[in-house]
Amino acid sequence: MDQRNNTQNESRPWYKIPMVWFVMALPLTAVVASIITLVIAAKHSPDVIQHNRHSSKIITPVDSDKTEQGNSN
């Protein structure tokens, strides 16, 4: 009986074997989820914020005498 069951499994096409679909389910789910994520990201992209570059380059001088007096106390 075991040999008879074995020949029946070998004669079936691959797409009729349930284990094949279980093995392919995880990668297919990941592909579908990534496509959905890309579509959502493309439709609802955030606005680009333009920073004022000049304000970040302003350097205020520090008086070294005042900092030494503050550290000596």
N, C-alpha and C. Protein backbone atom coordinates (compact mmCIF):
# COMPACT_ATOMS: atom_id res chain seq x y z
N MET A 1 0.82 -1.19 0.00
CA MET A 1 0.00 0.00 0.00
C MET A 1 0.87 1.26 0.00
N ASP A 2 1.99 1.19 0.68
CA ASP A 2 2.87 2.34 0.74
C ASP A 2 3.43 2.67 -0.64
N GLN A 3 3.75 1.67 -1.39
CA GLN A 3 4.29 1.88 -2.74
C GLN A 3 3.22 2.44 -3.67
N ARG A 4 2.01 2.00 -3.48
CA ARG A 4 0.90 2.48 -4.31
C ARG A 4 0.64 3.97 -4.06
N ASN A 5 0.69 4.37 -2.79
CA ASN A 5 0.50 5.77 -2.43
C ASN A 5 1.64 6.63 -2.98
N ASN A 6 2.83 6.09 -2.99
CA ASN A 6 4.00 6.79 -3.50
C ASN A 6 3.87 7.08 -5.00
N THR A 7 3.38 6.13 -5.76
CA THR A 7 3.23 6.32 -7.20
C THR A 7 2.13 7.32 -7.51
N GLN A 8 1.11 7.38 -6.68
CA GLN A 8 0.05 8.36 -6.90
C GLN A 8 0.58 9.79 -6.71
N ASN A 9 1.43 9.98 -5.71
CA ASN A 9 2.00 11.31 -5.48
C ASN A 9 2.92 11.73 -6.61
N GLU A 10 3.66 10.80 -7.16
CA GLU A 10 4.60 11.13 -8.22
C GLU A 10 3.90 11.43 -9.54
N SER A 11 2.71 10.88 -9.74
CA SER A 11 2.02 11.10 -11.00
C SER A 11 1.22 12.41 -11.02
N ARG A 12 1.02 13.03 -9.86
CA ARG A 12 0.27 14.29 -9.81
C ARG A 12 1.15 15.45 -10.28
N PRO A 13 0.56 16.44 -10.91
CA PRO A 13 1.33 17.63 -11.28
C PRO A 13 1.73 18.41 -10.01
N TRP A 14 2.77 19.22 -10.14
CA TRP A 14 3.31 19.91 -8.97
C TRP A 14 2.31 20.87 -8.33
N TYR A 15 1.46 21.47 -9.12
CA TYR A 15 0.54 22.46 -8.57
C TYR A 15 -0.63 21.84 -7.81
N LYS A 16 -0.76 20.54 -7.86
CA LYS A 16 -1.81 19.87 -7.10
C LYS A 16 -1.30 19.30 -5.77
N ILE A 17 -0.03 19.52 -5.48
CA ILE A 17 0.54 19.06 -4.21
C ILE A 17 0.45 20.22 -3.22
N PRO A 18 -0.27 20.04 -2.11
CA PRO A 18 -0.49 21.15 -1.17
C PRO A 18 0.79 21.71 -0.56
N MET A 19 1.79 20.88 -0.34
CA MET A 19 3.02 21.35 0.29
C MET A 19 3.72 22.41 -0.56
N VAL A 20 3.59 22.33 -1.86
CA VAL A 20 4.20 23.33 -2.75
C VAL A 20 3.62 24.70 -2.47
N TRP A 21 2.32 24.77 -2.28
CA TRP A 21 1.66 26.05 -2.03
C TRP A 21 2.03 26.61 -0.66
N PHE A 22 2.22 25.73 0.32
CA PHE A 22 2.66 26.19 1.63
C PHE A 22 4.07 26.77 1.56
N VAL A 23 4.94 26.15 0.79
CA VAL A 23 6.31 26.63 0.66
C VAL A 23 6.35 27.97 -0.09
N MET A 24 5.51 28.14 -1.08
CA MET A 24 5.50 29.37 -1.87
C MET A 24 4.71 30.50 -1.21
N ALA A 25 3.92 30.20 -0.20
CA ALA A 25 3.05 31.22 0.39
C ALA A 25 3.83 32.35 1.06
N LEU A 26 4.88 32.03 1.80
CA LEU A 26 5.62 33.08 2.51
C LEU A 26 6.33 34.05 1.56
N PRO A 27 7.08 33.59 0.57
CA PRO A 27 7.69 34.56 -0.35
C PRO A 27 6.65 35.36 -1.15
N LEU A 28 5.57 34.74 -1.54
CA LEU A 28 4.54 35.47 -2.28
C LEU A 28 3.89 36.53 -1.41
N THR A 29 3.68 36.22 -0.15
CA THR A 29 3.11 37.20 0.77
C THR A 29 4.06 38.38 0.95
N ALA A 30 5.35 38.12 1.04
CA ALA A 30 6.33 39.20 1.19
C ALA A 30 6.37 40.09 -0.06
N VAL A 31 6.25 39.51 -1.23
CA VAL A 31 6.26 40.29 -2.47
C VAL A 31 5.02 41.17 -2.56
N VAL A 32 3.87 40.61 -2.24
CA VAL A 32 2.62 41.38 -2.29
C VAL A 32 2.66 42.52 -1.27
N ALA A 33 3.14 42.24 -0.06
CA ALA A 33 3.22 43.27 0.97
C ALA A 33 4.18 44.39 0.58
N SER A 34 5.28 44.05 -0.06
CA SER A 34 6.22 45.10 -0.47
C SER A 34 5.65 45.96 -1.60
N ILE A 35 4.91 45.36 -2.50
CA ILE A 35 4.26 46.14 -3.57
C ILE A 35 3.23 47.09 -2.98
N ILE A 36 2.45 46.61 -2.02
CA ILE A 36 1.46 47.46 -1.37
C ILE A 36 2.16 48.61 -0.64
N THR A 37 3.26 48.32 0.03
CA THR A 37 4.01 49.36 0.74
C THR A 37 4.55 50.41 -0.22
N LEU A 38 5.06 49.99 -1.36
CA LEU A 38 5.56 50.95 -2.35
C LEU A 38 4.45 51.82 -2.91
N VAL A 39 3.29 51.25 -3.15
CA VAL A 39 2.16 52.03 -3.66
C VAL A 39 1.71 53.06 -2.64
N ILE A 40 1.62 52.65 -1.38
CA ILE A 40 1.22 53.59 -0.32
C ILE A 40 2.25 54.70 -0.18
N ALA A 41 3.53 54.36 -0.22
CA ALA A 41 4.58 55.37 -0.09
C ALA A 41 4.58 56.34 -1.26
N ALA A 42 4.27 55.86 -2.45
CA ALA A 42 4.25 56.74 -3.62
C ALA A 42 3.05 57.68 -3.59
N LYS A 43 1.91 57.20 -3.13
CA LYS A 43 0.71 58.03 -3.11
C LYS A 43 0.73 59.05 -1.97
N HIS A 44 1.30 58.69 -0.84
CA HIS A 44 1.25 59.55 0.35
C HIS A 44 2.64 59.98 0.77
N SER A 45 3.42 60.46 -0.17
CA SER A 45 4.78 60.88 0.17
C SER A 45 4.74 62.18 0.97
N PRO A 46 5.62 62.32 1.95
CA PRO A 46 5.62 63.54 2.76
C PRO A 46 6.19 64.72 1.98
N ASP A 47 5.80 65.91 2.39
CA ASP A 47 6.31 67.12 1.74
C ASP A 47 7.77 67.34 2.14
N VAL A 48 8.54 67.88 1.22
CA VAL A 48 9.94 68.17 1.49
C VAL A 48 10.01 69.52 2.18
N ILE A 49 10.75 69.58 3.28
CA ILE A 49 10.90 70.82 4.03
C ILE A 49 12.18 71.50 3.59
N GLN A 50 12.06 72.76 3.16
CA GLN A 50 13.23 73.53 2.74
C GLN A 50 13.76 74.28 3.95
N HIS A 51 14.97 73.94 4.38
CA HIS A 51 15.59 74.62 5.51
C HIS A 51 16.34 75.86 5.01
N ASN A 52 16.38 76.86 5.86
CA ASN A 52 17.15 78.05 5.55
C ASN A 52 18.61 77.73 5.87
N ARG A 53 19.42 77.60 4.87
CA ARG A 53 20.80 77.17 5.05
C ARG A 53 21.67 78.26 5.68
N HIS A 54 21.29 79.51 5.52
CA HIS A 54 22.10 80.60 6.06
C HIS A 54 22.06 80.64 7.58
N SER A 55 20.95 80.28 8.16
CA SER A 55 20.85 80.36 9.62
C SER A 55 21.69 79.30 10.31
N SER A 56 21.98 78.22 9.65
CA SER A 56 22.77 77.17 10.29
C SER A 56 24.27 77.46 10.26
N LYS A 57 24.69 78.46 9.48
CA LYS A 57 26.11 78.77 9.36
C LYS A 57 26.54 79.94 10.25
N ILE A 58 25.65 80.49 11.01
CA ILE A 58 25.99 81.62 11.87
C ILE A 58 26.72 81.10 13.10
N ILE A 59 27.90 81.64 13.32
CA ILE A 59 28.71 81.25 14.47
C ILE A 59 28.85 82.46 15.37
N THR A 60 28.50 82.31 16.62
CA THR A 60 28.63 83.43 17.55
C THR A 60 29.97 83.30 18.27
N PRO A 61 30.73 84.38 18.30
CA PRO A 61 32.03 84.33 18.98
C PRO A 61 31.85 84.24 20.49
N VAL A 62 32.73 83.52 21.13
CA VAL A 62 32.68 83.37 22.58
C VAL A 62 33.88 84.08 23.17
N ASP A 63 33.62 84.91 24.15
CA ASP A 63 34.71 85.64 24.81
C ASP A 63 35.43 84.68 25.74
N SER A 64 36.72 84.48 25.51
CA SER A 64 37.48 83.51 26.30
C SER A 64 37.67 83.97 27.75
N ASP A 65 37.67 85.28 28.00
CA ASP A 65 37.83 85.78 29.37
C ASP A 65 36.63 85.41 30.23
N LYS A 66 35.45 85.50 29.66
CA LYS A 66 34.24 85.19 30.42
C LYS A 66 34.15 83.69 30.72
N THR A 67 34.58 82.86 29.80
CA THR A 67 34.50 81.42 30.06
C THR A 67 35.53 80.99 31.09
N GLU A 68 36.70 81.63 31.12
CA GLU A 68 37.71 81.30 32.13
C GLU A 68 37.26 81.75 33.50
N GLN A 69 36.61 82.89 33.60
CA GLN A 69 36.11 83.37 34.89
C GLN A 69 35.01 82.45 35.41
N GLY A 70 34.17 81.97 34.53
CA GLY A 70 33.10 81.08 34.95
C GLY A 70 33.62 79.74 35.44
N ASN A 71 34.70 79.25 34.86
CA ASN A 71 35.26 77.97 35.27
C ASN A 71 36.08 78.07 36.54
N SER A 72 36.61 79.25 36.85
CA SER A 72 37.48 79.39 38.03
C SER A 72 36.69 79.47 39.32
N ASN A 73 35.39 79.78 39.26
CA ASN A 73 34.59 79.90 40.48
C ASN A 73 34.33 78.61 41.09
